[in-house]
Amino acid sequence: MKKGIHPDNYRMVAFKDMSNEDVFLTRSTANSRETIDVDGVEYPVIKLEISRTSHPYYTGKTKMIDTAGRIDKFKSKYAKFQK
């Protein structure tokens, strides 16, 4: 690893998944204006749209997309334009 390219100002930061309100702590250099209280200690908070607790890959909950119905709907809608 190259020396002198990594920041020295790591600190504990709370990351909050906004989809399910899960909060986890890790070291980071990310800046934040907001704070959150976790177990009586105040940490800077970074809000996330999705994390390991809400992503379908990690949770095993996938959405089934009805592609066959969408294709049939498209074909019936534009069938009148065929010659």
C-alpha atoms as a PDB file:
ATOM      1  CA  MET A   1       0.000   0.000   0.000  1.00  0.00           C
ATOM      2  CA  LYS A   2       1.211   3.499  -0.779  1.00  0.00           C
ATOM      3  CA  LYS A   3       2.101   5.618   2.208  1.00  0.00           C
ATOM      4  CA  GLY A   4       0.630   9.067   2.750  1.00  0.00           C
ATOM      5  CA  ILE A   5      -2.467   8.693   0.548  1.00  0.00           C
ATOM      6  CA  HIS A   6      -4.980   7.684   3.248  1.00  0.00           C
ATOM      7  CA  PRO A   7      -6.638  10.265   5.509  1.00  0.00           C
ATOM      8  CA  ASP A   8      -5.729  10.394   9.195  1.00  0.00           C
ATOM      9  CA  ASN A   9      -9.001  11.862  10.504  1.00  0.00           C
ATOM     10  CA  TYR A  10     -11.068   8.667  10.896  1.00  0.00           C
ATOM     11  CA  ARG A  11     -13.759   8.836  13.580  1.00  0.00           C
ATOM     12  CA  MET A  12     -16.842   6.836  14.554  1.00  0.00           C
ATOM     13  CA  VAL A  13     -19.846   7.718  12.377  1.00  0.00           C
ATOM     14  CA  ALA A  14     -23.417   6.392  12.477  1.00  0.00           C
ATOM     15  CA  PHE A  15     -24.934   5.322   9.155  1.00  0.00           C
ATOM     16  CA  LYS A  16     -28.745   5.260   9.109  1.00  0.00           C
ATOM     17  CA  ASP A  17     -30.751   3.311   6.540  1.00  0.00           C
ATOM     18  CA  MET A  18     -33.793   5.502   5.890  1.00  0.00           C
ATOM     19  CA  SER A  19     -35.890   2.662   4.455  1.00  0.00           C
ATOM     20  CA  ASN A  20     -35.944   0.610   7.672  1.00  0.00           C
ATOM     21  CA  GLU A  21     -34.412   2.946  10.312  1.00  0.00           C
ATOM     22  CA  ASP A  22     -31.447   0.592  10.935  1.00  0.00           C
ATOM     23  CA  VAL A  23     -28.367   2.338  12.396  1.00  0.00           C
ATOM     24  CA  PHE A  24     -24.830   0.958  12.394  1.00  0.00           C
ATOM     25  CA  LEU A  25     -21.541   2.446  13.520  1.00  0.00           C
ATOM     26  CA  THR A  26     -18.244   2.379  11.674  1.00  0.00           C
ATOM     27  CA  ARG A  27     -15.148   4.488  11.246  1.00  0.00           C
ATOM     28  CA  SER A  28     -15.315   7.050   8.456  1.00  0.00           C
ATOM     29  CA  THR A  29     -14.030  10.413   7.280  1.00  0.00           C
ATOM     30  CA  ALA A  30     -17.394  11.448   5.786  1.00  0.00           C
ATOM     31  CA  ASN A  31     -18.621  14.898   6.830  1.00  0.00           C
ATOM     32  CA  SER A  32     -22.051  15.416   8.337  1.00  0.00           C
ATOM     33  CA  ARG A  33     -23.928  18.370   9.827  1.00  0.00           C
ATOM     34  CA  GLU A  34     -26.456  16.177  11.626  1.00  0.00           C
ATOM     35  CA  THR A  35     -25.918  14.034  14.711  1.00  0.00           C
ATOM     36  CA  ILE A  36     -27.725  11.087  16.260  1.00  0.00           C
ATOM     37  CA  ASP A  37     -27.723   9.617  19.758  1.00  0.00           C
ATOM     38  CA  VAL A  38     -26.779   5.914  19.841  1.00  0.00           C
ATOM     39  CA  ASP A  39     -26.641   4.239  23.263  1.00  0.00           C
ATOM     40  CA  GLY A  40     -26.211   7.590  24.991  1.00  0.00           C
ATOM     41  CA  VAL A  41     -23.345   8.744  22.770  1.00  0.00           C
ATOM     42  CA  GLU A  42     -23.745  11.394  20.069  1.00  0.00           C
ATOM     43  CA  TYR A  43     -22.307  10.579  16.621  1.00  0.00           C
ATOM     44  CA  PRO A  44     -22.355  12.333  13.241  1.00  0.00           C
ATOM     45  CA  VAL A  45     -24.970  10.609  11.063  1.00  0.00           C
ATOM     46  CA  ILE A  46     -24.892   9.764   7.339  1.00  0.00           C
ATOM     47  CA  LYS A  47     -28.291   8.890   5.855  1.00  0.00           C
ATOM     48  CA  LEU A  48     -28.454   6.038   3.323  1.00  0.00           C
ATOM     49  CA  GLU A  49     -31.169   5.054   0.861  1.00  0.00           C
ATOM     50  CA  ILE A  50     -30.252   1.375   1.044  1.00  0.00           C
ATOM     51  CA  SER A  51     -27.867  -0.741   3.109  1.00  0.00           C
ATOM     52  CA  ARG A  52     -27.094  -4.353   3.889  1.00  0.00           C
ATOM     53  CA  THR A  53     -30.269  -4.614   5.988  1.00  0.00           C
ATOM     54  CA  SER A  54     -32.620  -3.486   3.201  1.00  0.00           C
ATOM     55  CA  HIS A  55     -30.940  -4.540  -0.066  1.00  0.00           C
ATOM     56  CA  PRO A  56     -32.734  -7.483  -1.734  1.00  0.00           C
ATOM     57  CA  TYR A  57     -29.452  -9.316  -2.359  1.00  0.00           C
ATOM     58  CA  TYR A  58     -28.676  -9.499   1.356  1.00  0.00           C
ATOM     59  CA  THR A  59     -32.232  -9.929   2.646  1.00  0.00           C
ATOM     60  CA  GLY A  60     -33.263 -12.590   0.121  1.00  0.00           C
ATOM     61  CA  LYS A  61     -36.491 -10.738  -0.657  1.00  0.00           C
ATOM     62  CA  THR A  62     -36.696 -10.101  -4.381  1.00  0.00           C
ATOM     63  CA  LYS A  63     -39.429  -8.437  -6.395  1.00  0.00           C
ATOM     64  CA  MET A  64     -41.002 -10.487  -9.146  1.00  0.00           C
ATOM     65  CA  ILE A  65     -41.581  -8.343 -12.219  1.00  0.00           C
ATOM     66  CA  ASP A  66     -44.484  -9.298 -14.469  1.00  0.00           C
ATOM     67  CA  THR A  67     -42.656  -8.964 -17.790  1.00  0.00           C
ATOM     68  CA  ALA A  68     -45.035 -11.230 -19.676  1.00  0.00           C
ATOM     69  CA  GLY A  69     -48.003  -9.039 -18.786  1.00  0.00           C
ATOM     70  CA  ARG A  70     -46.100  -5.911 -19.778  1.00  0.00           C
ATOM     71  CA  ILE A  71     -45.158  -7.387 -23.169  1.00  0.00           C
ATOM     72  CA  ASP A  72     -48.755  -8.437 -23.874  1.00  0.00           C
ATOM     73  CA  LYS A  73     -50.004  -4.992 -22.911  1.00  0.00           C
ATOM     74  CA  PHE A  74     -47.460  -3.361 -25.249  1.00  0.00           C
ATOM     75  CA  LYS A  75     -48.403  -5.655 -28.157  1.00  0.00           C
ATOM     76  CA  SER A  76     -52.140  -5.079 -27.717  1.00  0.00           C
ATOM     77  CA  LYS A  77     -51.640  -1.315 -27.473  1.00  0.00           C
ATOM     78  CA  TYR A  78     -49.643  -1.049 -30.710  1.00  0.00           C
ATOM     79  CA  ALA A  79     -51.373  -3.837 -32.678  1.00  0.00           C
ATOM     80  CA  LYS A  80     -53.625  -1.288 -34.384  1.00  0.00           C
ATOM     81  CA  PHE A  81     -50.605   0.335 -36.085  1.00  0.00           C
ATOM     82  CA  GLN A  82     -49.461  -2.867 -37.819  1.00  0.00           C
ATOM     83  CA  LYS A  83     -50.140  -3.214 -41.539  1.00  0.00           C
END
